[in-house]
Amino acid sequence: MTAQGVLASHPIITAVPFFVPTFVVVAVIVLVVWRDRRRGGDPPDDPPPGP
């Protein structure tokens, strides 16, 4: 006996809303890390107190 019909009728459209927030969170984290790395070693605004 063979199966009639499609076993996986779950369209990708119904799965997309569950993945979009994950991609947004990952994109924000990558953006923050990228901007932080780009700034590099900025000198401090106030010079250290001298003797």
N, C-alpha and C. Protein backbone atom coordinates (compact mmCIF):
# COMPACT_ATOMS: atom_id res chain seq x y z
N MET A 1 0.84 -1.18 0.00
CA MET A 1 0.00 0.00 0.00
C MET A 1 0.89 1.25 0.00
N THR A 2 0.63 2.17 -0.89
CA THR A 2 1.42 3.40 -0.99
C THR A 2 0.65 4.56 -0.38
N ALA A 3 1.40 5.51 0.12
CA ALA A 3 0.78 6.69 0.74
C ALA A 3 0.29 7.63 -0.35
N GLN A 4 -0.90 8.08 -0.20
CA GLN A 4 -1.48 9.03 -1.15
C GLN A 4 -1.39 10.43 -0.55
N GLY A 5 -0.88 11.37 -1.31
CA GLY A 5 -0.81 12.75 -0.83
C GLY A 5 0.59 13.12 -0.38
N VAL A 6 0.67 14.32 0.08
CA VAL A 6 1.95 14.87 0.51
C VAL A 6 2.10 14.68 2.01
N LEU A 7 3.24 14.18 2.43
CA LEU A 7 3.45 13.96 3.85
C LEU A 7 3.77 15.27 4.59
N ALA A 8 4.51 16.12 3.95
CA ALA A 8 4.89 17.39 4.58
C ALA A 8 4.19 18.52 3.85
N SER A 9 3.00 18.85 4.27
CA SER A 9 2.25 19.92 3.61
C SER A 9 2.43 21.25 4.31
N HIS A 10 3.41 21.34 5.19
CA HIS A 10 3.66 22.56 5.95
C HIS A 10 4.41 23.55 5.06
N PRO A 11 3.73 24.59 4.58
CA PRO A 11 4.43 25.55 3.70
C PRO A 11 5.45 26.41 4.46
N ILE A 12 6.43 26.85 3.73
CA ILE A 12 7.50 27.66 4.33
C ILE A 12 6.94 28.97 4.85
N ILE A 13 5.88 29.46 4.27
CA ILE A 13 5.28 30.73 4.69
C ILE A 13 4.86 30.68 6.15
N THR A 14 4.40 29.57 6.63
CA THR A 14 3.99 29.50 8.04
C THR A 14 5.18 29.38 8.97
N ALA A 15 6.33 28.99 8.48
CA ALA A 15 7.51 28.85 9.32
C ALA A 15 8.31 30.15 9.40
N VAL A 16 8.18 31.03 8.41
CA VAL A 16 8.98 32.26 8.36
C VAL A 16 8.75 33.14 9.59
N PRO A 17 7.53 33.37 10.04
CA PRO A 17 7.36 34.26 11.20
C PRO A 17 8.10 33.80 12.46
N PHE A 18 8.41 32.54 12.57
CA PHE A 18 9.13 32.04 13.73
C PHE A 18 10.63 32.28 13.61
N PHE A 19 11.15 32.39 12.41
CA PHE A 19 12.58 32.59 12.21
C PHE A 19 12.97 34.05 12.10
N VAL A 20 12.07 34.92 11.68
CA VAL A 20 12.40 36.33 11.50
C VAL A 20 12.90 36.98 12.79
N PRO A 21 12.24 36.79 13.94
CA PRO A 21 12.79 37.42 15.16
C PRO A 21 14.20 36.93 15.51
N THR A 22 14.48 35.68 15.24
CA THR A 22 15.82 35.15 15.50
C THR A 22 16.85 35.86 14.64
N PHE A 23 16.54 36.04 13.36
CA PHE A 23 17.47 36.73 12.47
C PHE A 23 17.64 38.19 12.87
N VAL A 24 16.59 38.82 13.35
CA VAL A 24 16.69 40.22 13.78
C VAL A 24 17.60 40.32 15.00
N VAL A 25 17.43 39.44 15.96
CA VAL A 25 18.28 39.47 17.16
C VAL A 25 19.73 39.22 16.80
N VAL A 26 19.98 38.26 15.95
CA VAL A 26 21.36 37.96 15.52
C VAL A 26 21.95 39.16 14.77
N ALA A 27 21.16 39.80 13.92
CA ALA A 27 21.65 40.97 13.18
C ALA A 27 22.01 42.11 14.12
N VAL A 28 21.21 42.34 15.15
CA VAL A 28 21.51 43.42 16.10
C VAL A 28 22.78 43.10 16.87
N ILE A 29 22.95 41.86 17.29
CA ILE A 29 24.16 41.48 18.02
C ILE A 29 25.39 41.65 17.13
N VAL A 30 25.30 41.21 15.88
CA VAL A 30 26.43 41.35 14.95
C VAL A 30 26.74 42.83 14.72
N LEU A 31 25.72 43.65 14.59
CA LEU A 31 25.93 45.09 14.38
C LEU A 31 26.63 45.73 15.58
N VAL A 32 26.20 45.39 16.78
CA VAL A 32 26.82 45.96 17.98
C VAL A 32 28.28 45.52 18.10
N VAL A 33 28.54 44.25 17.85
CA VAL A 33 29.92 43.75 17.92
C VAL A 33 30.78 44.40 16.85
N TRP A 34 30.24 44.52 15.64
CA TRP A 34 30.99 45.12 14.53
C TRP A 34 31.34 46.57 14.83
N ARG A 35 30.36 47.33 15.35
CA ARG A 35 30.62 48.74 15.66
C ARG A 35 31.63 48.86 16.80
N ASP A 36 31.55 47.97 17.78
CA ASP A 36 32.48 48.02 18.89
C ASP A 36 33.89 47.69 18.43
N ARG A 37 34.01 46.70 17.55
CA ARG A 37 35.33 46.34 17.03
C ARG A 37 35.90 47.46 16.17
N ARG A 38 35.03 48.15 15.43
CA ARG A 38 35.48 49.21 14.55
C ARG A 38 36.04 50.40 15.33
N ARG A 39 35.43 50.66 16.49
CA ARG A 39 35.91 51.77 17.30
C ARG A 39 37.32 51.54 17.78
N GLY A 40 37.66 50.30 18.02
CA GLY A 40 39.01 49.95 18.42
C GLY A 40 39.38 50.52 19.77
N GLY A 41 40.63 50.85 19.91
CA GLY A 41 41.14 51.38 21.17
C GLY A 41 41.13 52.89 21.17
N ASP A 42 39.97 53.49 21.32
CA ASP A 42 39.90 54.94 21.41
C ASP A 42 40.59 55.40 22.68
N PRO A 43 41.34 56.49 22.59
CA PRO A 43 41.97 57.01 23.81
C PRO A 43 40.88 57.53 24.75
N PRO A 44 41.11 57.45 26.04
CA PRO A 44 40.10 57.95 26.99
C PRO A 44 39.94 59.46 26.86
N ASP A 45 38.73 59.94 27.18
CA ASP A 45 38.47 61.38 27.05
C ASP A 45 39.30 62.19 28.05
N ASP A 46 39.39 61.70 29.30
CA ASP A 46 40.14 62.42 30.32
C ASP A 46 41.54 61.82 30.45
N PRO A 47 42.56 62.65 30.42
CA PRO A 47 43.91 62.11 30.62
C PRO A 47 44.06 61.62 32.06
N PRO A 48 44.89 60.60 32.27
CA PRO A 48 45.08 60.13 33.64
C PRO A 48 45.74 61.21 34.49
N PRO A 49 45.38 61.26 35.76
CA PRO A 49 45.99 62.31 36.63
C PRO A 49 47.48 62.05 36.80
N GLY A 50 48.25 63.11 36.68
CA GLY A 50 49.70 63.00 36.79
C GLY A 50 50.17 63.40 38.17
N PRO A 51 51.44 63.14 38.46
CA PRO A 51 51.99 63.52 39.79
C PRO A 51 52.28 64.99 39.89
